[in-house]
């Protein structure tokens, strides 16, 4: 079994401490960019069988948040 780890710093966008709102760092929300990265990897690796997907996050009040997605998979015999 193998694992592919995807991560995104500040997935919800930069937060204004004074105003309490979040502003994406790009035109699209960062979580959409992370989702696209995972989907692109899956479409480029059609021979894998996804066994498990796990998500974890860290950060918060004093540091930017970090999301990590772990995709556990097995490769097919033909790869």
N, C-alpha and C. Protein backbone atom coordinates (compact mmCIF):
# COMPACT_ATOMS: atom_id res chain seq x y z
N UNK A 1 0.84 -1.17 0.00
CA UNK A 1 0.00 0.00 0.00
C UNK A 1 0.89 1.24 0.00
N UNK A 2 0.43 2.26 -0.71
CA UNK A 2 1.17 3.51 -0.81
C UNK A 2 0.28 4.66 -0.36
N UNK A 3 0.88 5.82 -0.17
CA UNK A 3 0.11 6.99 0.23
C UNK A 3 0.57 8.20 -0.56
N UNK A 4 -0.36 9.01 -0.96
CA UNK A 4 -0.09 10.29 -1.62
C UNK A 4 -0.66 11.37 -0.70
N UNK A 5 0.16 12.34 -0.32
CA UNK A 5 -0.26 13.38 0.60
C UNK A 5 -0.40 14.70 -0.15
N UNK A 6 -1.54 15.32 0.02
CA UNK A 6 -1.81 16.64 -0.55
C UNK A 6 -1.96 17.61 0.61
N UNK A 7 -1.46 18.83 0.45
CA UNK A 7 -1.58 19.79 1.54
C UNK A 7 -1.86 21.18 0.98
N UNK A 8 -2.46 22.00 1.82
CA UNK A 8 -2.76 23.38 1.45
C UNK A 8 -2.63 24.25 2.69
N UNK A 9 -1.78 25.26 2.62
CA UNK A 9 -1.68 26.23 3.70
C UNK A 9 -2.83 27.22 3.58
N UNK A 10 -3.40 27.57 4.70
CA UNK A 10 -4.47 28.56 4.77
C UNK A 10 -5.59 28.26 3.78
N UNK A 11 -6.21 27.08 3.88
CA UNK A 11 -7.17 26.62 2.87
C UNK A 11 -8.41 27.49 2.74
N UNK A 12 -8.77 28.22 3.76
CA UNK A 12 -9.96 29.04 3.69
C UNK A 12 -9.66 30.49 3.28
N UNK A 13 -8.40 30.80 2.98
CA UNK A 13 -8.01 32.14 2.58
C UNK A 13 -7.46 32.92 3.76
N UNK A 14 -6.85 34.02 3.45
CA UNK A 14 -6.25 34.85 4.51
C UNK A 14 -7.35 35.50 5.34
N UNK A 15 -7.12 35.58 6.63
CA UNK A 15 -8.11 36.13 7.54
C UNK A 15 -7.68 37.50 8.00
N UNK A 16 -8.61 38.42 7.97
CA UNK A 16 -8.37 39.74 8.52
C UNK A 16 -8.66 39.68 10.01
N UNK A 17 -7.64 39.86 10.83
CA UNK A 17 -7.84 39.78 12.28
C UNK A 17 -8.78 40.87 12.78
N UNK A 18 -8.72 42.04 12.19
CA UNK A 18 -9.55 43.14 12.68
C UNK A 18 -11.01 43.01 12.23
N UNK A 19 -11.22 42.46 11.04
CA UNK A 19 -12.58 42.39 10.51
C UNK A 19 -13.22 41.01 10.62
N UNK A 20 -12.42 39.98 10.83
CA UNK A 20 -12.95 38.64 11.02
C UNK A 20 -13.37 37.93 9.74
N UNK A 21 -13.15 38.49 8.57
CA UNK A 21 -13.52 37.83 7.32
C UNK A 21 -12.30 37.22 6.66
N UNK A 22 -12.57 36.33 5.75
CA UNK A 22 -11.49 35.65 5.03
C UNK A 22 -11.48 36.10 3.58
N UNK A 23 -10.28 36.27 3.07
CA UNK A 23 -10.11 36.67 1.69
C UNK A 23 -9.27 35.60 0.99
N UNK A 24 -9.79 35.01 -0.10
CA UNK A 24 -8.98 33.99 -0.79
C UNK A 24 -7.70 34.61 -1.34
N UNK A 25 -6.64 33.80 -1.37
CA UNK A 25 -5.37 34.30 -1.87
C UNK A 25 -5.36 34.31 -3.40
N UNK A 26 -6.28 33.62 -4.02
CA UNK A 26 -6.41 33.62 -5.47
C UNK A 26 -7.88 33.85 -5.80
N UNK A 27 -8.20 33.86 -7.08
CA UNK A 27 -9.59 34.11 -7.47
C UNK A 27 -10.53 33.02 -6.96
N UNK A 28 -10.04 31.79 -6.91
CA UNK A 28 -10.85 30.69 -6.39
C UNK A 28 -10.45 30.44 -4.95
N UNK A 29 -11.35 29.85 -4.20
CA UNK A 29 -11.03 29.48 -2.83
C UNK A 29 -9.94 28.41 -2.84
N UNK A 30 -9.07 28.45 -1.86
CA UNK A 30 -7.96 27.50 -1.79
C UNK A 30 -8.42 26.06 -1.70
N UNK A 31 -9.55 25.80 -1.01
CA UNK A 31 -10.01 24.43 -0.91
C UNK A 31 -10.42 23.87 -2.27
N UNK A 32 -10.90 24.73 -3.18
CA UNK A 32 -11.21 24.29 -4.53
C UNK A 32 -9.94 23.92 -5.29
N UNK A 33 -8.88 24.66 -5.06
CA UNK A 33 -7.60 24.38 -5.70
C UNK A 33 -7.07 23.02 -5.22
N UNK A 34 -7.18 22.76 -3.92
CA UNK A 34 -6.74 21.48 -3.36
C UNK A 34 -7.58 20.33 -3.94
N UNK A 35 -8.87 20.52 -4.02
CA UNK A 35 -9.75 19.50 -4.61
C UNK A 35 -9.37 19.22 -6.06
N UNK A 36 -9.10 20.27 -6.83
CA UNK A 36 -8.69 20.09 -8.23
C UNK A 36 -7.37 19.33 -8.33
N UNK A 37 -6.44 19.60 -7.41
CA UNK A 37 -5.15 18.91 -7.41
C UNK A 37 -5.33 17.41 -7.17
N UNK A 38 -6.21 17.07 -6.24
CA UNK A 38 -6.48 15.65 -5.95
C UNK A 38 -7.15 14.99 -7.15
N UNK A 39 -8.16 15.64 -7.72
CA UNK A 39 -8.86 15.08 -8.87
C UNK A 39 -7.94 14.92 -10.07
N UNK A 40 -7.03 15.86 -10.27
CA UNK A 40 -6.07 15.75 -11.38
C UNK A 40 -5.16 14.55 -11.17
N UNK A 41 -4.67 14.36 -9.95
CA UNK A 41 -3.81 13.21 -9.66
C UNK A 41 -4.56 11.91 -9.90
N UNK A 42 -5.81 11.84 -9.46
CA UNK A 42 -6.62 10.63 -9.67
C UNK A 42 -6.83 10.35 -11.16
N UNK A 43 -7.08 11.41 -11.94
CA UNK A 43 -7.31 11.19 -13.38
C UNK A 43 -6.03 10.78 -14.09
N UNK A 44 -4.86 11.19 -13.58
CA UNK A 44 -3.58 10.81 -14.18
C UNK A 44 -3.12 9.43 -13.71
N UNK A 45 -3.75 8.88 -12.68
CA UNK A 45 -3.37 7.59 -12.13
C UNK A 45 -4.59 6.67 -12.06
N UNK A 46 -5.14 6.40 -13.21
CA UNK A 46 -6.37 5.61 -13.29
C UNK A 46 -6.19 4.17 -12.82
N UNK A 47 -4.95 3.70 -12.76
CA UNK A 47 -4.70 2.32 -12.37
C UNK A 47 -4.61 2.11 -10.87
N UNK A 48 -4.89 3.13 -10.07
CA UNK A 48 -4.80 2.96 -8.63
C UNK A 48 -6.18 2.66 -8.05
N UNK A 49 -6.16 1.88 -6.98
CA UNK A 49 -7.38 1.61 -6.24
C UNK A 49 -7.27 2.34 -4.91
N UNK A 50 -8.13 3.33 -4.71
CA UNK A 50 -8.10 4.09 -3.47
C UNK A 50 -8.68 3.22 -2.36
N UNK A 51 -7.90 3.04 -1.30
CA UNK A 51 -8.29 2.20 -0.18
C UNK A 51 -8.86 3.04 0.96
N UNK A 52 -8.25 4.19 1.19
CA UNK A 52 -8.68 5.02 2.31
C UNK A 52 -8.28 6.47 2.04
N UNK A 53 -9.09 7.40 2.53
CA UNK A 53 -8.79 8.82 2.45
C UNK A 53 -8.93 9.39 3.85
N UNK A 54 -7.91 10.14 4.29
CA UNK A 54 -7.95 10.74 5.61
C UNK A 54 -7.63 12.23 5.49
N UNK A 55 -8.23 13.02 6.37
CA UNK A 55 -8.00 14.45 6.38
C UNK A 55 -7.58 14.87 7.77
N UNK A 56 -6.61 15.76 7.84
CA UNK A 56 -6.23 16.33 9.13
C UNK A 56 -5.93 17.80 8.93
N UNK A 57 -5.97 18.54 10.01
CA UNK A 57 -5.69 19.96 9.93
C UNK A 57 -4.95 20.40 11.18
N UNK A 58 -4.26 21.51 11.05
CA UNK A 58 -3.55 22.07 12.20
C UNK A 58 -3.57 23.59 12.07
N UNK A 59 -3.10 24.25 13.09
CA UNK A 59 -3.07 25.70 13.07
C UNK A 59 -4.31 26.27 13.73
N UNK A 60 -4.43 27.55 13.64
CA UNK A 60 -5.58 28.17 14.26
C UNK A 60 -5.31 29.61 14.62
N UNK A 61 -5.46 29.93 15.88
CA UNK A 61 -5.40 31.32 16.33
C UNK A 61 -4.07 32.00 16.05
N UNK A 62 -2.96 31.32 16.30
CA UNK A 62 -1.66 31.98 16.21
C UNK A 62 -0.87 31.63 14.96
N UNK A 63 -1.33 30.69 14.19
CA UNK A 63 -0.64 30.33 12.95
C UNK A 63 -1.68 29.99 11.89
N UNK A 64 -1.32 30.15 10.62
CA UNK A 64 -2.27 29.81 9.56
C UNK A 64 -2.62 28.32 9.60
N UNK A 65 -3.81 28.02 9.18
CA UNK A 65 -4.21 26.61 9.18
C UNK A 65 -3.54 25.86 8.04
N UNK A 66 -3.45 24.57 8.21
CA UNK A 66 -2.88 23.67 7.22
C UNK A 66 -3.81 22.47 7.11
N UNK A 67 -4.23 22.16 5.90
CA UNK A 67 -5.03 20.95 5.65
C UNK A 67 -4.14 19.94 4.97
N UNK A 68 -4.24 18.70 5.39
CA UNK A 68 -3.53 17.60 4.74
C UNK A 68 -4.54 16.51 4.41
N UNK A 69 -4.50 16.04 3.19
CA UNK A 69 -5.35 14.95 2.73
C UNK A 69 -4.41 13.80 2.37
N UNK A 70 -4.62 12.64 2.98
CA UNK A 70 -3.82 11.45 2.68
C UNK A 70 -4.69 10.48 1.90
N UNK A 71 -4.24 10.13 0.71
CA UNK A 71 -4.94 9.16 -0.13
C UNK A 71 -4.13 7.87 -0.11
N UNK A 72 -4.66 6.86 0.55
CA UNK A 72 -4.01 5.55 0.64
C UNK A 72 -4.51 4.72 -0.54
N UNK A 73 -3.57 4.10 -1.27
CA UNK A 73 -3.97 3.40 -2.50
C UNK A 73 -3.06 2.21 -2.76
N UNK A 74 -3.54 1.36 -3.63
CA UNK A 74 -2.75 0.24 -4.15
C UNK A 74 -2.68 0.38 -5.65
N UNK A 75 -1.51 0.06 -6.19
CA UNK A 75 -1.33 0.12 -7.65
C UNK A 75 -1.76 -1.18 -8.26
N UNK A 76 -2.30 -1.08 -9.47
CA UNK A 76 -2.67 -2.30 -10.17
C UNK A 76 -1.43 -3.03 -10.65
N UNK A 77 -1.59 -4.29 -10.96
CA UNK A 77 -0.47 -5.13 -11.41
C UNK A 77 0.14 -4.62 -12.73
N UNK A 78 -0.67 -3.98 -13.58
CA UNK A 78 -0.20 -3.57 -14.91
C UNK A 78 0.63 -2.30 -14.88
N UNK A 79 0.68 -1.58 -13.76
CA UNK A 79 1.46 -0.34 -13.72
C UNK A 79 2.91 -0.60 -13.45
